[in-house]
Amino acid sequence: MNSAEVAIVIGFESCASSYPCRPAADGMGTVLYNGPYKPQYQNGAPTYKPPHQNFTVVIPSTAAKGKAQLNFAHFVLIGVS
């Protein structure tokens, strides 16, 4: 079965005032990244390490101090020919 990576979305949800955080299925929070996902094998990495891609995001300076969560959504097409 073939597949094609499409995109990922990374969101930030502060729950400093309402712990525990709401379920990620209820919303992404503040979107920190929304774009392509193109995982690659890393040169020199052990053979068991799957393809991956690193992302750096910046937590908003206006975020309340305390507990928070990062939400992640992955979009892929399966059965692509």
PDB file of N, CA and C in Angstrom:
ATOM      1  N   MET A   1       0.859  -1.181   0.000  1.00  0.00           N
ATOM      2  CA  MET A   1       0.000   0.000   0.000  1.00  0.00           C
ATOM      3  C   MET A   1       0.897   1.232   0.000  1.00  0.00           C
ATOM      4  N   ASN A   2       0.647   2.140  -0.893  1.00  0.00           N
ATOM      5  CA  ASN A   2       1.405   3.377  -0.969  1.00  0.00           C
ATOM      6  C   ASN A   2       0.758   4.447  -0.111  1.00  0.00           C
ATOM      7  N   SER A   3       1.590   5.381   0.320  1.00  0.00           N
ATOM      8  CA  SER A   3       1.078   6.525   1.067  1.00  0.00           C
ATOM      9  C   SER A   3       1.881   7.752   0.690  1.00  0.00           C
ATOM     10  N   ALA A   4       1.314   8.919   0.933  1.00  0.00           N
ATOM     11  CA  ALA A   4       1.981  10.190   0.648  1.00  0.00           C
ATOM     12  C   ALA A   4       1.770  11.117   1.832  1.00  0.00           C
ATOM     13  N   GLU A   5       2.869  11.602   2.387  1.00  0.00           N
ATOM     14  CA  GLU A   5       2.784  12.571   3.479  1.00  0.00           C
ATOM     15  C   GLU A   5       2.201  13.871   2.940  1.00  0.00           C
ATOM     16  N   VAL A   6       1.332  14.507   3.710  1.00  0.00           N
ATOM     17  CA  VAL A   6       0.700  15.739   3.274  1.00  0.00           C
ATOM     18  C   VAL A   6       1.143  16.903   4.151  1.00  0.00           C
ATOM     19  N   ALA A   7       0.818  16.867   5.434  1.00  0.00           N
ATOM     20  CA  ALA A   7       1.105  18.014   6.293  1.00  0.00           C
ATOM     21  C   ALA A   7       0.988  17.622   7.760  1.00  0.00           C
ATOM     22  N   ILE A   8       1.473  18.519   8.593  1.00  0.00           N
ATOM     23  CA  ILE A   8       1.214  18.419  10.032  1.00  0.00           C
ATOM     24  C   ILE A   8       0.803  19.796  10.544  1.00  0.00           C
ATOM     25  N   VAL A   9       0.128  19.779  11.672  1.00  0.00           N
ATOM     26  CA  VAL A   9      -0.238  20.998  12.381  1.00  0.00           C
ATOM     27  C   VAL A   9       0.188  20.803  13.831  1.00  0.00           C
ATOM     28  N   ILE A  10       0.896  21.790  14.371  1.00  0.00           N
ATOM     29  CA  ILE A  10       1.299  21.767  15.780  1.00  0.00           C
ATOM     30  C   ILE A  10       0.624  22.953  16.450  1.00  0.00           C
ATOM     31  N   GLY A  11      -0.124  22.685  17.512  1.00  0.00           N
ATOM     32  CA  GLY A  11      -0.826  23.738  18.233  1.00  0.00           C
ATOM     33  C   GLY A  11      -0.408  23.774  19.689  1.00  0.00           C
ATOM     34  N   PHE A  12      -0.576  24.917  20.319  1.00  0.00           N
ATOM     35  CA  PHE A  12      -0.227  25.127  21.728  1.00  0.00           C
ATOM     36  C   PHE A  12      -1.489  25.467  22.505  1.00  0.00           C
ATOM     37  N   GLU A  13      -1.712  24.758  23.588  1.00  0.00           N
ATOM     38  CA  GLU A  13      -2.894  24.993  24.434  1.00  0.00           C
ATOM     39  C   GLU A  13      -2.427  25.220  25.869  1.00  0.00           C
ATOM     40  N   SER A  14      -2.624  26.424  26.371  1.00  0.00           N
ATOM     41  CA  SER A  14      -2.304  26.716  27.770  1.00  0.00           C
ATOM     42  C   SER A  14      -3.446  26.229  28.639  1.00  0.00           C
ATOM     43  N   CYS A  15      -3.104  25.543  29.719  1.00  0.00           N
ATOM     44  CA  CYS A  15      -4.150  25.101  30.650  1.00  0.00           C
ATOM     45  C   CYS A  15      -3.757  25.467  32.074  1.00  0.00           C
ATOM     46  N   ALA A  16      -3.060  26.588  32.189  1.00  0.00           N
ATOM     47  CA  ALA A  16      -2.613  27.040  33.499  1.00  0.00           C
ATOM     48  C   ALA A  16      -3.795  27.355  34.420  1.00  0.00           C
ATOM     49  N   SER A  17      -4.882  27.852  33.827  1.00  0.00           N
ATOM     50  CA  SER A  17      -6.027  28.223  34.661  1.00  0.00           C
ATOM     51  C   SER A  17      -7.140  27.186  34.638  1.00  0.00           C
ATOM     52  N   SER A  18      -6.988  26.138  33.837  1.00  0.00           N
ATOM     53  CA  SER A  18      -8.061  25.143  33.745  1.00  0.00           C
ATOM     54  C   SER A  18      -7.484  23.740  33.555  1.00  0.00           C
ATOM     55  N   TYR A  19      -6.641  23.317  34.500  1.00  0.00           N
ATOM     56  CA  TYR A  19      -6.024  21.996  34.401  1.00  0.00           C
ATOM     57  C   TYR A  19      -7.022  20.936  34.829  1.00  0.00           C
ATOM     58  N   PRO A  20      -7.170  19.804  34.201  1.00  0.00           N
ATOM     59  CA  PRO A  20      -6.382  19.372  33.057  1.00  0.00           C
ATOM     60  C   PRO A  20      -6.805  20.087  31.781  1.00  0.00           C
ATOM     61  N   CYS A  21      -5.919  20.049  30.795  1.00  0.00           N
ATOM     62  CA  CYS A  21      -6.214  20.675  29.503  1.00  0.00           C
ATOM     63  C   CYS A  21      -7.410  19.985  28.852  1.00  0.00           C
ATOM     64  N   ARG A  22      -8.095  20.706  28.007  1.00  0.00           N
ATOM     65  CA  ARG A  22      -9.196  20.091  27.262  1.00  0.00           C
ATOM     66  C   ARG A  22      -8.607  19.077  26.286  1.00  0.00           C
ATOM     67  N   PRO A  23      -9.383  18.106  25.868  1.00  0.00           N
ATOM     68  CA  PRO A  23      -8.876  17.108  24.925  1.00  0.00           C
ATOM     69  C   PRO A  23      -8.435  17.763  23.614  1.00  0.00           C
ATOM     70  N   ALA A  24      -7.354  17.257  23.050  1.00  0.00           N
ATOM     71  CA  ALA A  24      -6.840  17.804  21.792  1.00  0.00           C
ATOM     72  C   ALA A  24      -7.885  17.712  20.682  1.00  0.00           C
ATOM     73  N   ALA A  25      -8.771  16.726  20.748  1.00  0.00           N
ATOM     74  CA  ALA A  25      -9.822  16.578  19.735  1.00  0.00           C
ATOM     75  C   ALA A  25     -10.783  17.767  19.728  1.00  0.00           C
ATOM     76  N   ASP A  26     -10.791  18.559  20.816  1.00  0.00           N
ATOM     77  CA  ASP A  26     -11.681  19.716  20.888  1.00  0.00           C
ATOM     78  C   ASP A  26     -11.104  20.963  20.230  1.00  0.00           C
ATOM     79  N   GLY A  27      -9.852  20.919  19.829  1.00  0.00           N
ATOM     80  CA  GLY A  27      -9.241  22.074  19.162  1.00  0.00           C
ATOM     81  C   GLY A  27      -7.737  22.045  19.283  1.00  0.00           C
ATOM     82  N   MET A  28      -7.083  22.686  18.339  1.00  0.00           N
ATOM     83  CA  MET A  28      -5.621  22.687  18.303  1.00  0.00           C
ATOM     84  C   MET A  28      -5.008  23.727  19.218  1.00  0.00           C
ATOM     85  N   GLY A  29      -5.768  24.725  19.625  1.00  0.00           N
ATOM     86  CA  GLY A  29      -5.191  25.838  20.379  1.00  0.00           C
ATOM     87  C   GLY A  29      -4.565  26.824  19.399  1.00  0.00           C
ATOM     88  N   THR A  30      -3.542  27.536  19.836  1.00  0.00           N
ATOM     89  CA  THR A  30      -2.838  28.474  18.971  1.00  0.00           C
ATOM     90  C   THR A  30      -1.945  27.685  18.029  1.00  0.00           C
ATOM     91  N   VAL A  31      -2.141  27.845  16.737  1.00  0.00           N
ATOM     92  CA  VAL A  31      -1.356  27.085  15.760  1.00  0.00           C
ATOM     93  C   VAL A  31       0.049  27.676  15.665  1.00  0.00           C
ATOM     94  N   LEU A  32       1.041  26.820  15.938  1.00  0.00           N
ATOM     95  CA  LEU A  32       2.437  27.238  15.879  1.00  0.00           C
ATOM     96  C   LEU A  32       3.098  26.832  14.567  1.00  0.00           C
ATOM     97  N   TYR A  33       2.601  25.785  13.940  1.00  0.00           N
ATOM     98  CA  TYR A  33       3.118  25.334  12.645  1.00  0.00           C
ATOM     99  C   TYR A  33       1.984  24.674  11.880  1.00  0.00           C
ATOM    100  N   ASN A  34       1.884  25.000  10.605  1.00  0.00           N
ATOM    101  CA  ASN A  34       0.899  24.399   9.711  1.00  0.00           C
ATOM    102  C   ASN A  34       1.567  24.326   8.347  1.00  0.00           C
ATOM    103  N   GLY A  35       2.030  23.138   7.992  1.00  0.00           N
ATOM    104  CA  GLY A  35       2.725  23.059   6.724  1.00  0.00           C
ATOM    105  C   GLY A  35       3.157  21.663   6.367  1.00  0.00           C
ATOM    106  N   PRO A  36       4.021  21.573   5.369  1.00  0.00           N
ATOM    107  CA  PRO A  36       4.423  20.268   4.847  1.00  0.00           C
ATOM    108  C   PRO A  36       5.170  19.424   5.864  1.00  0.00           C
ATOM    109  N   TYR A  37       5.062  18.128   5.663  1.00  0.00           N
ATOM    110  CA  TYR A  37       5.788  17.148   6.465  1.00  0.00           C
ATOM    111  C   TYR A  37       6.509  16.239   5.489  1.00  0.00           C
ATOM    112  N   LYS A  38       7.822  16.284   5.494  1.00  0.00           N
ATOM    113  CA  LYS A  38       8.640  15.496   4.567  1.00  0.00           C
ATOM    114  C   LYS A  38       9.724  14.768   5.349  1.00  0.00           C
ATOM    115  N   PRO A  39       9.351  13.690   6.029  1.00  0.00           N
ATOM    116  CA  PRO A  39      10.329  12.974   6.832  1.00  0.00           C
ATOM    117  C   PRO A  39      11.440  12.370   5.976  1.00  0.00           C
ATOM    118  N   GLN A  40      12.659  12.373   6.518  1.00  0.00           N
ATOM    119  CA  GLN A  40      13.826  11.846   5.821  1.00  0.00           C
ATOM    120  C   GLN A  40      14.612  10.947   6.764  1.00  0.00           C
ATOM    121  N   TYR A  41      15.361  10.007   6.196  1.00  0.00           N
ATOM    122  CA  TYR A  41      16.325   9.257   6.988  1.00  0.00           C
ATOM    123  C   TYR A  41      17.475  10.194   7.328  1.00  0.00           C
ATOM    124  N   GLN A  42      18.010  10.076   8.509  1.00  0.00           N
ATOM    125  CA  GLN A  42      19.129  10.901   8.942  1.00  0.00           C
ATOM    126  C   GLN A  42      20.435  10.176   8.625  1.00  0.00           C
ATOM    127  N   ASN A  43      21.359  10.862   7.971  1.00  0.00           N
ATOM    128  CA  ASN A  43      22.662  10.271   7.674  1.00  0.00           C
ATOM    129  C   ASN A  43      23.365   9.862   8.959  1.00  0.00           C
ATOM    130  N   GLY A  44      23.863   8.636   8.991  1.00  0.00           N
ATOM    131  CA  GLY A  44      24.599   8.160  10.148  1.00  0.00           C
ATOM    132  C   GLY A  44      23.729   7.683  11.297  1.00  0.00           C
ATOM    133  N   ALA A  45      22.415   7.774  11.156  1.00  0.00           N
ATOM    134  CA  ALA A  45      21.513   7.333  12.224  1.00  0.00           C
ATOM    135  C   ALA A  45      21.461   5.807  12.236  1.00  0.00           C
ATOM    136  N   PRO A  46      21.171   5.215  13.380  1.00  0.00           N
ATOM    137  CA  PRO A  46      21.016   3.756  13.422  1.00  0.00           C
ATOM    138  C   PRO A  46      19.943   3.302  12.428  1.00  0.00           C
ATOM    139  N   THR A  47      20.098   2.102  11.901  1.00  0.00           N
ATOM    140  CA  THR A  47      19.183   1.613  10.863  1.00  0.00           C
ATOM    141  C   THR A  47      17.748   1.436  11.362  1.00  0.00           C
ATOM    142  N   TYR A  48      17.566   1.312  12.665  1.00  0.00           N
ATOM    143  CA  TYR A  48      16.213   1.130  13.193  1.00  0.00           C
ATOM    144  C   TYR A  48      15.461   2.457  13.347  1.00  0.00           C
ATOM    145  N   LYS A  49      16.142   3.580  13.186  1.00  0.00           N
ATOM    146  CA  LYS A  49      15.477   4.874  13.354  1.00  0.00           C
ATOM    147  C   LYS A  49      14.703   5.212  12.078  1.00  0.00           C
ATOM    148  N   PRO A  50      13.397   5.409  12.182  1.00  0.00           N
ATOM    149  CA  PRO A  50      12.591   5.668  10.982  1.00  0.00           C
ATOM    150  C   PRO A  50      12.836   7.079  10.433  1.00  0.00           C
ATOM    151  N   PRO A  51      12.354   7.343   9.228  1.00  0.00           N
ATOM    152  CA  PRO A  51      12.447   8.704   8.702  1.00  0.00           C
ATOM    153  C   PRO A  51      11.730   9.670   9.642  1.00  0.00           C
ATOM    154  N   HIS A  52      12.272  10.866   9.781  1.00  0.00           N
ATOM    155  CA  HIS A  52      11.667  11.851  10.677  1.00  0.00           C
ATOM    156  C   HIS A  52      12.017  13.254  10.206  1.00  0.00           C
ATOM    157  N   GLN A  53      11.407  14.230  10.821  1.00  0.00           N
ATOM    158  CA  GLN A  53      11.682  15.638  10.540  1.00  0.00           C
ATOM    159  C   GLN A  53      11.582  16.381  11.865  1.00  0.00           C
ATOM    160  N   ASN A  54      12.548  17.219  12.150  1.00  0.00           N
ATOM    161  CA  ASN A  54      12.535  18.010  13.377  1.00  0.00           C
ATOM    162  C   ASN A  54      11.854  19.350  13.124  1.00  0.00           C
ATOM    163  N   PHE A  55      11.150  19.840  14.136  1.00  0.00           N
ATOM    164  CA  PHE A  55      10.498  21.141  14.066  1.00  0.00           C
ATOM    165  C   PHE A  55      10.853  21.940  15.308  1.00  0.00           C
ATOM    166  N   THR A  56      11.044  23.226  15.130  1.00  0.00           N
ATOM    167  CA  THR A  56      11.251  24.141  16.246  1.00  0.00           C
ATOM    168  C   THR A  56      10.084  25.112  16.247  1.00  0.00           C
ATOM    169  N   VAL A  57       9.434  25.240  17.380  1.00  0.00           N
ATOM    170  CA  VAL A  57       8.324  26.186  17.497  1.00  0.00           C
ATOM    171  C   VAL A  57       8.613  27.133  18.660  1.00  0.00           C
ATOM    172  N   VAL A  58       7.961  28.268  18.652  1.00  0.00           N
ATOM    173  CA  VAL A  58       8.136  29.259  19.708  1.00  0.00           C
ATOM    174  C   VAL A  58       6.812  29.396  20.453  1.00  0.00           C
ATOM    175  N   ILE A  59       6.869  29.189  21.762  1.00  0.00           N
ATOM    176  CA  ILE A  59       5.677  29.354  22.599  1.00  0.00           C
ATOM    177  C   ILE A  59       5.371  30.855  22.681  1.00  0.00           C
ATOM    178  N   PRO A  60       4.120  31.246  22.474  1.00  0.00           N
ATOM    179  CA  PRO A  60       3.784  32.675  22.514  1.00  0.00           C
ATOM    180  C   PRO A  60       4.181  33.314  23.845  1.00  0.00           C
ATOM    181  N   SER A  61       4.747  34.506  23.769  1.00  0.00           N
ATOM    182  CA  SER A  61       5.178  35.203  24.992  1.00  0.00           C
ATOM    183  C   SER A  61       3.988  35.575  25.868  1.00  0.00           C
ATOM    184  N   THR A  62       2.793  35.591  25.285  1.00  0.00           N
ATOM    185  CA  THR A  62       1.589  35.933  26.042  1.00  0.00           C
ATOM    186  C   THR A  62       0.994  34.727  26.772  1.00  0.00           C
ATOM    187  N   ALA A  63       1.587  33.549  26.575  1.00  0.00           N
ATOM    188  CA  ALA A  63       1.051  32.337  27.217  1.00  0.00           C
ATOM    189  C   ALA A  63       1.190  32.442  28.729  1.00  0.00           C
ATOM    190  N   ALA A  64       0.147  32.031  29.428  1.00  0.00           N
ATOM    191  CA  ALA A  64       0.183  32.030  30.887  1.00  0.00           C
ATOM    192  C   ALA A  64       1.223  31.026  31.377  1.00  0.00           C
ATOM    193  N   LYS A  65       1.904  31.345  32.453  1.00  0.00           N
ATOM    194  CA  LYS A  65       2.867  30.427  33.053  1.00  0.00           C
ATOM    195  C   LYS A  65       2.112  29.259  33.661  1.00  0.00           C
ATOM    196  N   GLY A  66       2.653  28.060  33.521  1.00  0.00           N
ATOM    197  CA  GLY A  66       2.018  26.886  34.106  1.00  0.00           C
ATOM    198  C   GLY A  66       1.862  25.763  33.102  1.00  0.00           C
ATOM    199  N   LYS A  67       0.959  24.873  33.401  1.00  0.00           N
ATOM    200  CA  LYS A  67       0.766  23.680  32.579  1.00  0.00           C
ATOM    201  C   LYS A  67       0.221  24.043  31.205  1.00  0.00           C
ATOM    202  N   ALA A  68       0.675  23.251  30.206  1.00  0.00           N
ATOM    203  CA  ALA A  68       0.244  23.464  28.830  1.00  0.00           C
ATOM    204  C   ALA A  68       0.446  22.156  28.073  1.00  0.00           C
ATOM    205  N   GLN A  69      -0.068  22.111  26.859  1.00  0.00           N
ATOM    206  CA  GLN A  69       0.163  20.935  26.028  1.00  0.00           C
ATOM    207  C   GLN A  69       0.374  21.361  24.582  1.00  0.00           C
ATOM    208  N   LEU A  70       1.157  20.544  23.869  1.00  0.00           N
ATOM    209  CA  LEU A  70       1.300  20.706  22.434  1.00  0.00           C
ATOM    210  C   LEU A  70       0.376  19.694  21.775  1.00  0.00           C
ATOM    211  N   ASN A  71      -0.398  20.140  20.820  1.00  0.00           N
ATOM    212  CA  ASN A  71      -1.299  19.264  20.077  1.00  0.00           C
ATOM    213  C   ASN A  71      -0.720  19.062  18.688  1.00  0.00           C
ATOM    214  N   PHE A  72      -0.893  17.879  18.160  1.00  0.00           N
ATOM    215  CA  PHE A  72      -0.263  17.505  16.901  1.00  0.00           C
ATOM    216  C   PHE A  72      -1.270  16.776  16.028  1.00  0.00           C
ATOM    217  N   ALA A  73      -1.405  17.219  14.774  1.00  0.00           N
ATOM    218  CA  ALA A  73      -2.263  16.528  13.814  1.00  0.00           C
ATOM    219  C   ALA A  73      -1.416  16.186  12.594  1.00  0.00           C
ATOM    220  N   HIS A  74      -1.561  14.962  12.103  1.00  0.00           N
ATOM    221  CA  HIS A  74      -0.765  14.449  10.991  1.00  0.00           C
ATOM    222  C   HIS A  74      -1.716  14.054   9.866  1.00  0.00           C
ATOM    223  N   PHE A  75      -1.458  14.560   8.668  1.00  0.00           N
ATOM    224  CA  PHE A  75      -2.315  14.267   7.520  1.00  0.00           C
ATOM    225  C   PHE A  75      -1.527  13.499   6.468  1.00  0.00           C
ATOM    226  N   VAL A  76      -2.061  12.350   6.064  1.00  0.00           N
ATOM    227  CA  VAL A  76      -1.393  11.488   5.107  1.00  0.00           C
ATOM    228  C   VAL A  76      -2.453  10.880   4.169  1.00  0.00           C
ATOM    229  N   LEU A  77      -2.096  10.700   2.912  1.00  0.00           N
ATOM    230  CA  LEU A  77      -2.968  10.016   1.967  1.00  0.00           C
ATOM    231  C   LEU A  77      -2.528   8.563   1.897  1.00  0.00           C
ATOM    232  N   ILE A  78      -3.454   7.644   2.062  1.00  0.00           N
ATOM    233  CA  ILE A  78      -3.145   6.213   2.025  1.00  0.00           C
ATOM    234  C   ILE A  78      -3.843   5.603   0.822  1.00  0.00           C
ATOM    235  N   GLY A  79      -3.136   4.723   0.156  1.00  0.00           N
ATOM    236  CA  GLY A  79      -3.683   4.091  -1.028  1.00  0.00           C
ATOM    237  C   GLY A  79      -3.405   4.888  -2.285  1.00  0.00           C
ATOM    238  N   VAL A  80      -2.402   5.737  -2.243  1.00  0.00           N
ATOM    239  CA  VAL A  80      -2.045   6.568  -3.391  1.00  0.00           C
ATOM    240  C   VAL A  80      -1.389   5.683  -4.448  1.00  0.00           C
ATOM    241  N   SER A  81      -1.774   5.864  -5.686  1.00  0.00           N
ATOM    242  CA  SER A  81      -1.141   5.072  -6.751  1.00  0.00           C
ATOM    243  C   SER A  81      -0.464   5.964  -7.762  1.00  0.00           C
TER     244      SER A  81
END
